[in-house]
PDB file of N, CA and C in Angstrom:
ATOM      1  N   MET A   1       0.906  -0.870   0.276  1.00  0.00           N
ATOM      2  CA  MET A   1      -0.317  -0.047   0.151  1.00  0.00           C
ATOM      3  C   MET A   1       0.920   1.356   0.335  1.00  0.00           C
ATOM      4  N   LEU A   2       0.571   2.290  -0.656  1.00  0.00           N
ATOM      5  CA  LEU A   2       1.374   3.524  -1.046  1.00  0.00           C
ATOM      6  C   LEU A   2       1.271   3.579   0.329  1.00  0.00           C
ATOM      7  N   PRO A   3       1.739   5.044   0.517  1.00  0.00           N
ATOM      8  CA  PRO A   3       1.439   6.152   1.666  1.00  0.00           C
ATOM      9  C   PRO A   3       0.327   6.783   0.927  1.00  0.00           C
ATOM     10  N   ILE A   4      -0.291   7.152   2.115  1.00  0.00           N
ATOM     11  CA  ILE A   4      -1.558   8.033   1.224  1.00  0.00           C
ATOM     12  C   ILE A   4      -1.240   9.691   0.996  1.00  0.00           C
ATOM     13  N   ASP A   5      -1.847  10.096  -0.119  1.00  0.00           N
ATOM     14  CA  ASP A   5      -1.629  11.834  -0.609  1.00  0.00           C
ATOM     15  C   ASP A   5      -2.556  12.525  -0.038  1.00  0.00           C
ATOM     16  N   GLU A   6      -1.947  12.985   1.035  1.00  0.00           N
ATOM     17  CA  GLU A   6      -2.762  14.113   2.429  1.00  0.00           C
ATOM     18  C   GLU A   6      -3.088  15.131   1.220  1.00  0.00           C
ATOM     19  N   GLU A   7      -2.649  15.669   0.714  1.00  0.00           N
ATOM     20  CA  GLU A   7      -3.293  17.012  -0.255  1.00  0.00           C
ATOM     21  C   GLU A   7      -4.361  16.534  -0.670  1.00  0.00           C
ATOM     22  N   LEU A   8      -3.860  15.579  -1.785  1.00  0.00           N
ATOM     23  CA  LEU A   8      -4.963  15.208  -2.923  1.00  0.00           C
ATOM     24  C   LEU A   8      -6.403  14.529  -1.479  1.00  0.00           C
ATOM     25  N   LYS A   9      -6.442  14.325  -0.528  1.00  0.00           N
ATOM     26  CA  LYS A   9      -7.238  13.434   0.371  1.00  0.00           C
ATOM     27  C   LYS A   9      -8.222  15.138   0.714  1.00  0.00           C
ATOM     28  N   VAL A  10      -7.300  15.868   1.108  1.00  0.00           N
ATOM     29  CA  VAL A  10      -8.151  16.988   1.631  1.00  0.00           C
ATOM     30  C   VAL A  10      -8.506  17.449   0.553  1.00  0.00           C
ATOM     31  N   ARG A  11      -8.157  17.338  -0.762  1.00  0.00           N
ATOM     32  CA  ARG A  11      -8.823  18.199  -1.600  1.00  0.00           C
ATOM     33  C   ARG A  11     -10.444  17.369  -2.051  1.00  0.00           C
ATOM     34  N   LEU A  12     -10.348  16.537  -1.910  1.00  0.00           N
ATOM     35  CA  LEU A  12     -11.195  15.468  -2.012  1.00  0.00           C
ATOM     36  C   LEU A  12     -12.212  15.560  -1.037  1.00  0.00           C
ATOM     37  N   ASN A  13     -11.936  15.452  -0.247  1.00  0.00           N
ATOM     38  CA  ASN A  13     -12.929  15.469   0.984  1.00  0.00           C
ATOM     39  C   ASN A  13     -13.679  16.629   1.004  1.00  0.00           C
ATOM     40  N   SER A  14     -13.385  18.005   0.476  1.00  0.00           N
ATOM     41  CA  SER A  14     -13.672  19.436   0.453  1.00  0.00           C
ATOM     42  C   SER A  14     -13.965  19.006  -0.790  1.00  0.00           C
ATOM     43  N   GLU A  15     -14.577  18.351  -1.978  1.00  0.00           N
ATOM     44  CA  GLU A  15     -15.753  18.225  -2.341  1.00  0.00           C
ATOM     45  C   GLU A  15     -16.484  17.450  -2.753  1.00  0.00           C
ATOM     46  N   THR A  16     -16.671  16.349  -1.625  1.00  0.00           N
ATOM     47  CA  THR A  16     -17.488  15.367  -1.505  1.00  0.00           C
ATOM     48  C   THR A  16     -18.989  15.919  -1.357  1.00  0.00           C
ATOM     49  N   ALA A  17     -20.364  15.256  -1.980  1.00  0.00           N
ATOM     50  CA  ALA A  17     -20.926  16.076  -1.760  1.00  0.00           C
ATOM     51  C   ALA A  17     -22.604  14.989  -1.782  1.00  0.00           C
ATOM     52  N   LYS A  18     -23.158  15.818  -1.446  1.00  0.00           N
ATOM     53  CA  LYS A  18     -24.457  14.727  -1.218  1.00  0.00           C
ATOM     54  C   LYS A  18     -25.362  14.685  -2.330  1.00  0.00           C
ATOM     55  N   LEU A  19     -25.685  13.601  -3.514  1.00  0.00           N
ATOM     56  CA  LEU A  19     -26.378  13.502  -4.530  1.00  0.00           C
ATOM     57  C   LEU A  19     -27.742  12.629  -4.347  1.00  0.00           C
ATOM     58  N   ALA A  20     -28.619  12.689  -5.395  1.00  0.00           N
ATOM     59  CA  ALA A  20     -30.207  12.052  -5.121  1.00  0.00           C
ATOM     60  C   ALA A  20     -29.737  10.977  -6.593  1.00  0.00           C
ATOM     61  N   TRP A  21     -30.218  10.316  -6.927  1.00  0.00           N
ATOM     62  CA  TRP A  21     -30.090   9.819  -7.740  1.00  0.00           C
ATOM     63  C   TRP A  21     -30.110  10.167  -9.572  1.00  0.00           C
ATOM     64  N   PRO A  22     -31.435  10.865  -9.539  1.00  0.00           N
ATOM     65  CA  PRO A  22     -31.293  12.094 -10.588  1.00  0.00           C
ATOM     66  C   PRO A  22     -30.135  12.304 -11.106  1.00  0.00           C
ATOM     67  N   GLU A  23     -29.744  13.182  -9.997  1.00  0.00           N
ATOM     68  CA  GLU A  23     -27.737  14.001 -10.525  1.00  0.00           C
ATOM     69  C   GLU A  23     -27.051  12.844 -10.687  1.00  0.00           C
ATOM     70  N   LEU A  24     -27.426  11.276 -10.518  1.00  0.00           N
ATOM     71  CA  LEU A  24     -25.947  10.497 -10.432  1.00  0.00           C
ATOM     72  C   LEU A  24     -26.203   9.775 -11.788  1.00  0.00           C
ATOM     73  N   GLN A  25     -27.478   9.680 -12.069  1.00  0.00           N
ATOM     74  CA  GLN A  25     -28.144   9.739 -13.793  1.00  0.00           C
ATOM     75  C   GLN A  25     -27.305   9.286 -14.906  1.00  0.00           C
ATOM     76  N   ARG A  26     -26.593  10.514 -14.789  1.00  0.00           N
ATOM     77  CA  ARG A  26     -26.256  10.516 -16.187  1.00  0.00           C
ATOM     78  C   ARG A  26     -24.587  10.526 -16.113  1.00  0.00           C
ATOM     79  N   HIS A  27     -23.786  10.367 -14.745  1.00  0.00           N
ATOM     80  CA  HIS A  27     -22.710   9.618 -14.702  1.00  0.00           C
ATOM     81  C   HIS A  27     -22.849   8.275 -14.376  1.00  0.00           C
ATOM     82  N   PHE A  28     -23.900   7.599 -14.236  1.00  0.00           N
ATOM     83  CA  PHE A  28     -24.503   5.951 -14.560  1.00  0.00           C
ATOM     84  C   PHE A  28     -24.067   5.903 -16.181  1.00  0.00           C
ATOM     85  N   ALA A  29     -25.144   6.259 -16.499  1.00  0.00           N
ATOM     86  CA  ALA A  29     -24.828   6.175 -18.268  1.00  0.00           C
ATOM     87  C   ALA A  29     -23.765   5.911 -18.569  1.00  0.00           C
ATOM     88  N   ARG A  30     -22.726   6.654 -18.708  1.00  0.00           N
ATOM     89  CA  ARG A  30     -21.483   6.828 -19.488  1.00  0.00           C
ATOM     90  C   ARG A  30     -20.728   5.828 -18.676  1.00  0.00           C
ATOM     91  N   GLY A  31     -21.156   5.056 -17.578  1.00  0.00           N
ATOM     92  CA  GLY A  31     -20.402   3.865 -17.375  1.00  0.00           C
ATOM     93  C   GLY A  31     -19.554   4.358 -16.114  1.00  0.00           C
ATOM     94  N   VAL A  32     -19.239   5.330 -15.472  1.00  0.00           N
ATOM     95  CA  VAL A  32     -18.095   5.911 -14.537  1.00  0.00           C
ATOM     96  C   VAL A  32     -18.260   6.146 -13.025  1.00  0.00           C
ATOM     97  N   VAL A  33     -19.626   5.377 -12.904  1.00  0.00           N
ATOM     98  CA  VAL A  33     -19.911   4.991 -11.235  1.00  0.00           C
ATOM     99  C   VAL A  33     -19.499   4.070 -10.858  1.00  0.00           C
ATOM    100  N   VAL A  34     -18.135   3.812  -9.577  1.00  0.00           N
ATOM    101  CA  VAL A  34     -18.232   3.407  -8.855  1.00  0.00           C
ATOM    102  C   VAL A  34     -18.588   3.261  -7.715  1.00  0.00           C
ATOM    103  N   VAL A  35     -18.909   1.936  -6.646  1.00  0.00           N
ATOM    104  CA  VAL A  35     -19.489   1.619  -5.980  1.00  0.00           C
ATOM    105  C   VAL A  35     -18.729   1.470  -4.692  1.00  0.00           C
ATOM    106  N   ALA A  36     -19.079   2.118  -3.490  1.00  0.00           N
ATOM    107  CA  ALA A  36     -17.906   1.907  -2.433  1.00  0.00           C
ATOM    108  C   ALA A  36     -19.048   1.270  -1.220  1.00  0.00           C
ATOM    109  N   ALA A  37     -18.561  -0.266  -0.934  1.00  0.00           N
ATOM    110  CA  ALA A  37     -19.411  -0.363   0.420  1.00  0.00           C
ATOM    111  C   ALA A  37     -19.260  -0.110   1.295  1.00  0.00           C
ATOM    112  N   ALA A  38     -20.445  -0.300   2.260  1.00  0.00           N
ATOM    113  CA  ALA A  38     -20.852   0.161   3.851  1.00  0.00           C
ATOM    114  C   ALA A  38     -19.569  -0.335   4.169  1.00  0.00           C
ATOM    115  N   GLY A  39     -19.372   0.986   5.056  1.00  0.00           N
ATOM    116  CA  GLY A  39     -18.255   0.774   6.150  1.00  0.00           C
ATOM    117  C   GLY A  39     -16.337   1.572   5.494  1.00  0.00           C
ATOM    118  N   MET A  40     -16.501   1.581   3.783  1.00  0.00           N
ATOM    119  CA  MET A  40     -15.808   1.680   3.370  1.00  0.00           C
ATOM    120  C   MET A  40     -15.318   3.659   3.774  1.00  0.00           C
ATOM    121  N   ASP A  41     -14.501   4.056   3.537  1.00  0.00           N
ATOM    122  CA  ASP A  41     -13.964   5.375   3.749  1.00  0.00           C
ATOM    123  C   ASP A  41     -13.938   6.252   2.443  1.00  0.00           C
ATOM    124  N   LEU A  42     -15.322   6.397   1.653  1.00  0.00           N
ATOM    125  CA  LEU A  42     -15.405   7.130   0.678  1.00  0.00           C
ATOM    126  C   LEU A  42     -14.086   7.938   0.272  1.00  0.00           C
ATOM    127  N   VAL A  43     -13.725   8.463   0.605  1.00  0.00           N
ATOM    128  CA  VAL A  43     -12.479   9.599   0.549  1.00  0.00           C
ATOM    129  C   VAL A  43     -11.098   9.222   0.489  1.00  0.00           C
ATOM    130  N   GLU A  44     -10.866   7.918   1.597  1.00  0.00           N
ATOM    131  CA  GLU A  44      -9.850   7.332   1.307  1.00  0.00           C
ATOM    132  C   GLU A  44      -9.740   6.520  -0.371  1.00  0.00           C
ATOM    133  N   VAL A  45     -11.077   5.707  -0.802  1.00  0.00           N
ATOM    134  CA  VAL A  45     -10.900   4.860  -1.700  1.00  0.00           C
ATOM    135  C   VAL A  45     -10.884   6.355  -3.155  1.00  0.00           C
ATOM    136  N   ALA A  46     -11.261   7.290  -3.310  1.00  0.00           N
ATOM    137  CA  ALA A  46     -11.334   7.887  -4.206  1.00  0.00           C
ATOM    138  C   ALA A  46     -10.003   8.800  -3.737  1.00  0.00           C
ATOM    139  N   THR A  47      -9.288   8.955  -3.172  1.00  0.00           N
ATOM    140  CA  THR A  47      -7.905   8.773  -3.049  1.00  0.00           C
ATOM    141  C   THR A  47      -6.715   8.179  -3.623  1.00  0.00           C
ATOM    142  N   ARG A  48      -7.226   7.075  -3.203  1.00  0.00           N
ATOM    143  CA  ARG A  48      -6.153   6.047  -3.203  1.00  0.00           C
ATOM    144  C   ARG A  48      -6.728   5.676  -5.233  1.00  0.00           C
ATOM    145  N   MET A  49      -7.900   5.566  -5.873  1.00  0.00           N
ATOM    146  CA  MET A  49      -8.065   5.848  -6.951  1.00  0.00           C
ATOM    147  C   MET A  49      -6.994   6.805  -7.661  1.00  0.00           C
ATOM    148  N   GLY A  50      -7.371   8.299  -7.110  1.00  0.00           N
ATOM    149  CA  GLY A  50      -7.014   9.811  -7.793  1.00  0.00           C
ATOM    150  C   GLY A  50      -5.252   9.205  -7.654  1.00  0.00           C
ATOM    151  N   MET A  51      -4.496   8.026  -6.621  1.00  0.00           N
ATOM    152  CA  MET A  51      -3.134   8.563  -6.856  1.00  0.00           C
ATOM    153  C   MET A  51      -2.654   6.680  -7.752  1.00  0.00           C
ATOM    154  N   ASP A  52      -3.868   6.851  -8.400  1.00  0.00           N
ATOM    155  CA  ASP A  52      -3.521   5.212  -9.132  1.00  0.00           C
ATOM    156  C   ASP A  52      -2.709   4.048  -8.204  1.00  0.00           C
ATOM    157  N   ASP A  53      -3.394   3.625  -7.383  1.00  0.00           N
ATOM    158  CA  ASP A  53      -2.925   2.638  -6.266  1.00  0.00           C
ATOM    159  C   ASP A  53      -3.613   1.690  -6.579  1.00  0.00           C
ATOM    160  N   GLY A  54      -3.010   0.678  -7.541  1.00  0.00           N
ATOM    161  CA  GLY A  54      -3.392  -0.210  -8.097  1.00  0.00           C
ATOM    162  C   GLY A  54      -3.549  -1.441  -7.111  1.00  0.00           C
ATOM    163  N   GLY A  55      -2.020  -1.243  -6.026  1.00  0.00           N
ATOM    164  CA  GLY A  55      -2.355  -2.581  -5.752  1.00  0.00           C
ATOM    165  C   GLY A  55      -3.278  -2.475  -4.578  1.00  0.00           C
ATOM    166  N   THR A  56      -3.952  -1.775  -4.084  1.00  0.00           N
ATOM    167  CA  THR A  56      -4.871  -1.257  -3.047  1.00  0.00           C
ATOM    168  C   THR A  56      -6.133  -1.527  -3.729  1.00  0.00           C
ATOM    169  N   VAL A  57      -6.332  -0.574  -4.723  1.00  0.00           N
ATOM    170  CA  VAL A  57      -7.400  -0.553  -5.527  1.00  0.00           C
ATOM    171  C   VAL A  57      -8.270  -2.285  -6.279  1.00  0.00           C
ATOM    172  N   GLY A  58      -6.704  -2.787  -6.496  1.00  0.00           N
ATOM    173  CA  GLY A  58      -7.292  -4.427  -7.002  1.00  0.00           C
ATOM    174  C   GLY A  58      -7.819  -4.963  -5.948  1.00  0.00           C
ATOM    175  N   LEU A  59      -7.257  -4.855  -4.558  1.00  0.00           N
ATOM    176  CA  LEU A  59      -7.604  -5.990  -3.530  1.00  0.00           C
ATOM    177  C   LEU A  59      -8.998  -5.470  -3.262  1.00  0.00           C
ATOM    178  N   TRP A  60      -9.041  -4.380  -2.916  1.00  0.00           N
ATOM    179  CA  TRP A  60     -10.899  -3.746  -2.270  1.00  0.00           C
ATOM    180  C   TRP A  60     -11.597  -4.196  -3.770  1.00  0.00           C
ATOM    181  N   LEU A  61     -11.378  -4.228  -5.210  1.00  0.00           N
ATOM    182  CA  LEU A  61     -11.921  -5.065  -6.395  1.00  0.00           C
ATOM    183  C   LEU A  61     -12.098  -6.697  -6.542  1.00  0.00           C
ATOM    184  N   ALA A  62     -11.110  -6.816  -6.386  1.00  0.00           N
ATOM    185  CA  ALA A  62     -11.146  -8.580  -5.403  1.00  0.00           C
ATOM    186  C   ALA A  62     -11.900  -8.894  -4.625  1.00  0.00           C
ATOM    187  N   ASP A  63     -12.164  -8.005  -3.278  1.00  0.00           N
ATOM    188  CA  ASP A  63     -12.363  -8.442  -2.534  1.00  0.00           C
ATOM    189  C   ASP A  63     -14.069  -7.689  -2.468  1.00  0.00           C
ATOM    190  N   GLU A  64     -14.514  -7.326  -3.352  1.00  0.00           N
ATOM    191  CA  GLU A  64     -16.114  -6.641  -3.943  1.00  0.00           C
ATOM    192  C   GLU A  64     -16.087  -5.118  -2.788  1.00  0.00           C
ATOM    193  N   GLN A  65     -15.385  -4.739  -1.792  1.00  0.00           N
ATOM    194  CA  GLN A  65     -15.659  -3.635  -1.423  1.00  0.00           C
ATOM    195  C   GLN A  65     -15.406  -2.384  -2.179  1.00  0.00           C
ATOM    196  N   ILE A  66     -15.707  -2.602  -3.446  1.00  0.00           N
ATOM    197  CA  ILE A  66     -16.116  -1.289  -4.110  1.00  0.00           C
ATOM    198  C   ILE A  66     -15.725  -1.971  -5.762  1.00  0.00           C
ATOM    199  N   ARG A  67     -17.177  -1.385  -6.666  1.00  0.00           N
ATOM    200  CA  ARG A  67     -17.346  -2.613  -8.021  1.00  0.00           C
ATOM    201  C   ARG A  67     -18.214  -1.305  -9.008  1.00  0.00           C
ATOM    202  N   ARG A  68     -18.059  -1.212 -10.308  1.00  0.00           N
ATOM    203  CA  ARG A  68     -18.748  -0.522 -10.962  1.00  0.00           C
ATOM    204  C   ARG A  68     -20.557  -1.047 -10.549  1.00  0.00           C
ATOM    205  N   ALA A  69     -20.796  -0.074 -10.586  1.00  0.00           N
ATOM    206  CA  ALA A  69     -22.286   0.014 -10.259  1.00  0.00           C
ATOM    207  C   ALA A  69     -23.042  -0.398 -11.570  1.00  0.00           C
ATOM    208  N   SER A  70     -23.926  -1.228 -11.238  1.00  0.00           N
ATOM    209  CA  SER A  70     -24.938  -2.308 -12.246  1.00  0.00           C
ATOM    210  C   SER A  70     -26.047  -1.990 -12.707  1.00  0.00           C
ATOM    211  N   GLU A  71     -26.689  -2.499 -14.055  1.00  0.00           N
ATOM    212  CA  GLU A  71     -27.816  -2.295 -14.181  1.00  0.00           C
ATOM    213  C   GLU A  71     -29.112  -2.315 -12.573  1.00  0.00           C
ATOM    214  N   ASP A  72     -28.903  -3.467 -12.294  1.00  0.00           N
ATOM    215  CA  ASP A  72     -29.597  -3.821 -11.282  1.00  0.00           C
ATOM    216  C   ASP A  72     -29.615  -2.893  -9.835  1.00  0.00           C
ATOM    217  N   ASP A  73     -28.306  -2.225 -10.097  1.00  0.00           N
ATOM    218  CA  ASP A  73     -28.264  -1.165  -8.804  1.00  0.00           C
ATOM    219  C   ASP A  73     -28.856   0.044  -8.928  1.00  0.00           C
ATOM    220  N   ALA A  74     -29.082   0.475 -10.442  1.00  0.00           N
ATOM    221  CA  ALA A  74     -29.798   1.399 -11.205  1.00  0.00           C
ATOM    222  C   ALA A  74     -31.327   1.171 -10.794  1.00  0.00           C
ATOM    223  N   ARG A  75     -31.646   0.246 -11.205  1.00  0.00           N
ATOM    224  CA  ARG A  75     -32.936  -0.344 -11.010  1.00  0.00           C
ATOM    225  C   ARG A  75     -33.686   0.165  -9.071  1.00  0.00           C
ATOM    226  N   ARG A  76     -32.583  -0.489  -8.539  1.00  0.00           N
ATOM    227  CA  ARG A  76     -33.019  -0.134  -7.185  1.00  0.00           C
ATOM    228  C   ARG A  76     -32.892   1.229  -6.564  1.00  0.00           C
ATOM    229  N   TRP A  77     -31.925   1.956  -7.062  1.00  0.00           N
ATOM    230  CA  TRP A  77     -32.198   3.225  -6.655  1.00  0.00           C
ATOM    231  C   TRP A  77     -33.450   3.777  -7.325  1.00  0.00           C
ATOM    232  N   VAL A  78     -33.501   3.395  -8.550  1.00  0.00           N
ATOM    233  CA  VAL A  78     -35.073   4.603  -8.913  1.00  0.00           C
ATOM    234  C   VAL A  78     -36.212   4.206  -7.909  1.00  0.00           C
ATOM    235  N   ASP A  79     -36.281   2.750  -7.811  1.00  0.00           N
ATOM    236  CA  ASP A  79     -37.114   2.502  -6.895  1.00  0.00           C
ATOM    237  C   ASP A  79     -37.476   3.351  -5.314  1.00  0.00           C
ATOM    238  N   THR A  80     -35.880   3.726  -5.190  1.00  0.00           N
ATOM    239  CA  THR A  80     -35.969   3.935  -3.565  1.00  0.00           C
ATOM    240  C   THR A  80     -35.366   5.171  -3.311  1.00  0.00           C
ATOM    241  N   ASP A  81     -35.636   6.116  -4.784  1.00  0.00           N
ATOM    242  CA  ASP A  81     -34.988   7.462  -4.303  1.00  0.00           C
ATOM    243  C   ASP A  81     -33.788   7.479  -3.425  1.00  0.00           C
ATOM    244  N   ALA A  82     -32.591   6.486  -4.011  1.00  0.00           N
ATOM    245  CA  ALA A  82     -31.728   6.745  -2.923  1.00  0.00           C
ATOM    246  C   ALA A  82     -30.905   8.151  -3.471  1.00  0.00           C
ATOM    247  N   VAL A  83     -29.614   8.468  -2.212  1.00  0.00           N
ATOM    248  CA  VAL A  83     -29.332   9.536  -1.831  1.00  0.00           C
ATOM    249  C   VAL A  83     -27.624   8.957  -1.943  1.00  0.00           C
ATOM    250  N   PHE A  84     -26.798   9.672  -2.209  1.00  0.00           N
ATOM    251  CA  PHE A  84     -25.355   9.594  -2.102  1.00  0.00           C
ATOM    252  C   PHE A  84     -24.796  10.513  -1.279  1.00  0.00           C
ATOM    253  N   TRP A  85     -23.103   9.594  -1.003  1.00  0.00           N
ATOM    254  CA  TRP A  85     -22.176  10.716  -0.964  1.00  0.00           C
ATOM    255  C   TRP A  85     -21.497  10.417  -2.111  1.00  0.00           C
ATOM    256  N   ALA A  86     -20.819  11.338  -2.317  1.00  0.00           N
ATOM    257  CA  ALA A  86     -19.845  11.077  -3.829  1.00  0.00           C
ATOM    258  C   ALA A  86     -18.887  12.095  -4.202  1.00  0.00           C
ATOM    259  N   VAL A  87     -18.277  11.419  -4.711  1.00  0.00           N
ATOM    260  CA  VAL A  87     -16.972  12.526  -5.119  1.00  0.00           C
ATOM    261  C   VAL A  87     -16.564  12.134  -6.057  1.00  0.00           C
ATOM    262  N   VAL A  88     -15.992  12.971  -6.952  1.00  0.00           N
ATOM    263  CA  VAL A  88     -15.728  12.838  -8.653  1.00  0.00           C
ATOM    264  C   VAL A  88     -13.883  13.040  -8.781  1.00  0.00           C
ATOM    265  N   VAL A  89     -13.361  11.661  -8.744  1.00  0.00           N
ATOM    266  CA  VAL A  89     -11.939  11.583  -8.964  1.00  0.00           C
ATOM    267  C   VAL A  89     -11.741  11.305 -10.593  1.00  0.00           C
ATOM    268  N   ALA A  90     -11.672  11.758 -11.393  1.00  0.00           N
ATOM    269  CA  ALA A  90     -11.911  11.506 -12.975  1.00  0.00           C
ATOM    270  C   ALA A  90     -10.868  10.869 -13.485  1.00  0.00           C
ATOM    271  N   PRO A  91     -11.749   9.738 -14.257  1.00  0.00           N
ATOM    272  CA  PRO A  91     -13.280  10.190 -14.862  1.00  0.00           C
ATOM    273  C   PRO A  91     -14.196   8.955 -13.906  1.00  0.00           C
ATOM    274  N   TRP A  92     -13.701   8.758 -13.177  1.00  0.00           N
ATOM    275  CA  TRP A  92     -15.260   8.469 -11.996  1.00  0.00           C
ATOM    276  C   TRP A  92     -15.567   9.464 -11.301  1.00  0.00           C
ATOM    277  N   VAL A  93     -17.112   8.980 -10.891  1.00  0.00           N
ATOM    278  CA  VAL A  93     -17.446   9.111  -9.437  1.00  0.00           C
ATOM    279  C   VAL A  93     -17.498   8.292  -8.514  1.00  0.00           C
ATOM    280  N   VAL A  94     -17.303   8.262  -7.334  1.00  0.00           N
ATOM    281  CA  VAL A  94     -17.476   7.605  -6.705  1.00  0.00           C
ATOM    282  C   VAL A  94     -18.359   7.709  -5.270  1.00  0.00           C
ATOM    283  N   VAL A  95     -19.431   7.010  -5.213  1.00  0.00           N
ATOM    284  CA  VAL A  95     -20.422   7.056  -4.527  1.00  0.00           C
ATOM    285  C   VAL A  95     -20.686   5.531  -3.305  1.00  0.00           C
ATOM    286  N   GLN A  96     -20.993   6.227  -2.463  1.00  0.00           N
ATOM    287  CA  GLN A  96     -21.920   5.296  -1.468  1.00  0.00           C
ATOM    288  C   GLN A  96     -23.281   5.729  -0.576  1.00  0.00           C
ATOM    289  N   GLU A  97     -24.047   4.524  -1.014  1.00  0.00           N
ATOM    290  CA  GLU A  97     -25.301   5.689  -0.418  1.00  0.00           C
ATOM    291  C   GLU A  97     -25.709   5.587   0.437  1.00  0.00           C
ATOM    292  N   ILE A  98     -26.473   6.122   1.026  1.00  0.00           N
ATOM    293  CA  ILE A  98     -26.553   6.427   2.169  1.00  0.00           C
ATOM    294  C   ILE A  98     -27.809   6.396   3.102  1.00  0.00           C
ATOM    295  N   SER A  99     -29.234   7.252   2.162  1.00  0.00           N
ATOM    296  CA  SER A  99     -30.655   6.728   2.331  1.00  0.00           C
ATOM    297  C   SER A  99     -31.245   6.659   1.018  1.00  0.00           C
ATOM    298  N   HIS A 100     -32.666   6.530   1.335  1.00  0.00           N
ATOM    299  CA  HIS A 100     -33.801   6.250   0.422  1.00  0.00           C
ATOM    300  C   HIS A 100     -33.969   7.453  -0.429  1.00  0.00           C
ATOM    301  N   SER A 101     -34.119   8.456   0.129  1.00  0.00           N
ATOM    302  CA  SER A 101     -34.641   9.969  -0.282  1.00  0.00           C
ATOM    303  C   SER A 101     -33.831  11.028   0.693  1.00  0.00           C
ATOM    304  N   LEU A 102     -34.117  12.454   0.171  1.00  0.00           N
ATOM    305  CA  LEU A 102     -33.079  13.187   0.543  1.00  0.00           C
ATOM    306  C   LEU A 102     -34.354  14.013   1.967  1.00  0.00           C
ATOM    307  N   ASP A 103     -35.922  13.211   1.684  1.00  0.00           N
ATOM    308  CA  ASP A 103     -36.622  13.482   2.377  1.00  0.00           C
ATOM    309  C   ASP A 103     -36.944  13.169   3.941  1.00  0.00           C
ATOM    310  N   SER A 104     -35.992  11.546   4.058  1.00  0.00           N
ATOM    311  CA  SER A 104     -36.021  10.701   4.729  1.00  0.00           C
ATOM    312  C   SER A 104     -35.313  11.048   5.981  1.00  0.00           C
TER     313      SER A 104
END
């Protein structure tokens, strides 16, 4: 595991935002949404991706702690009015589901 890039981590943390599914749909359509499992540190995931830390990211992918969003995800998110914490680490949008509606 590479030492974390603290400057990148701080920047990405400041760029993290709450998004509802409709705001995420166009990114899903482009195939660039990466889902971080509950319990993962969203900002650390984005930082490691931004650092091109292939070793760590590869382990997370193999353990299914992170994965590309699927059609099944999209259907469920539509049905549940999902809301996410999200951060862009180009070209990816890394998300973590937090609730089922902005009204909840």
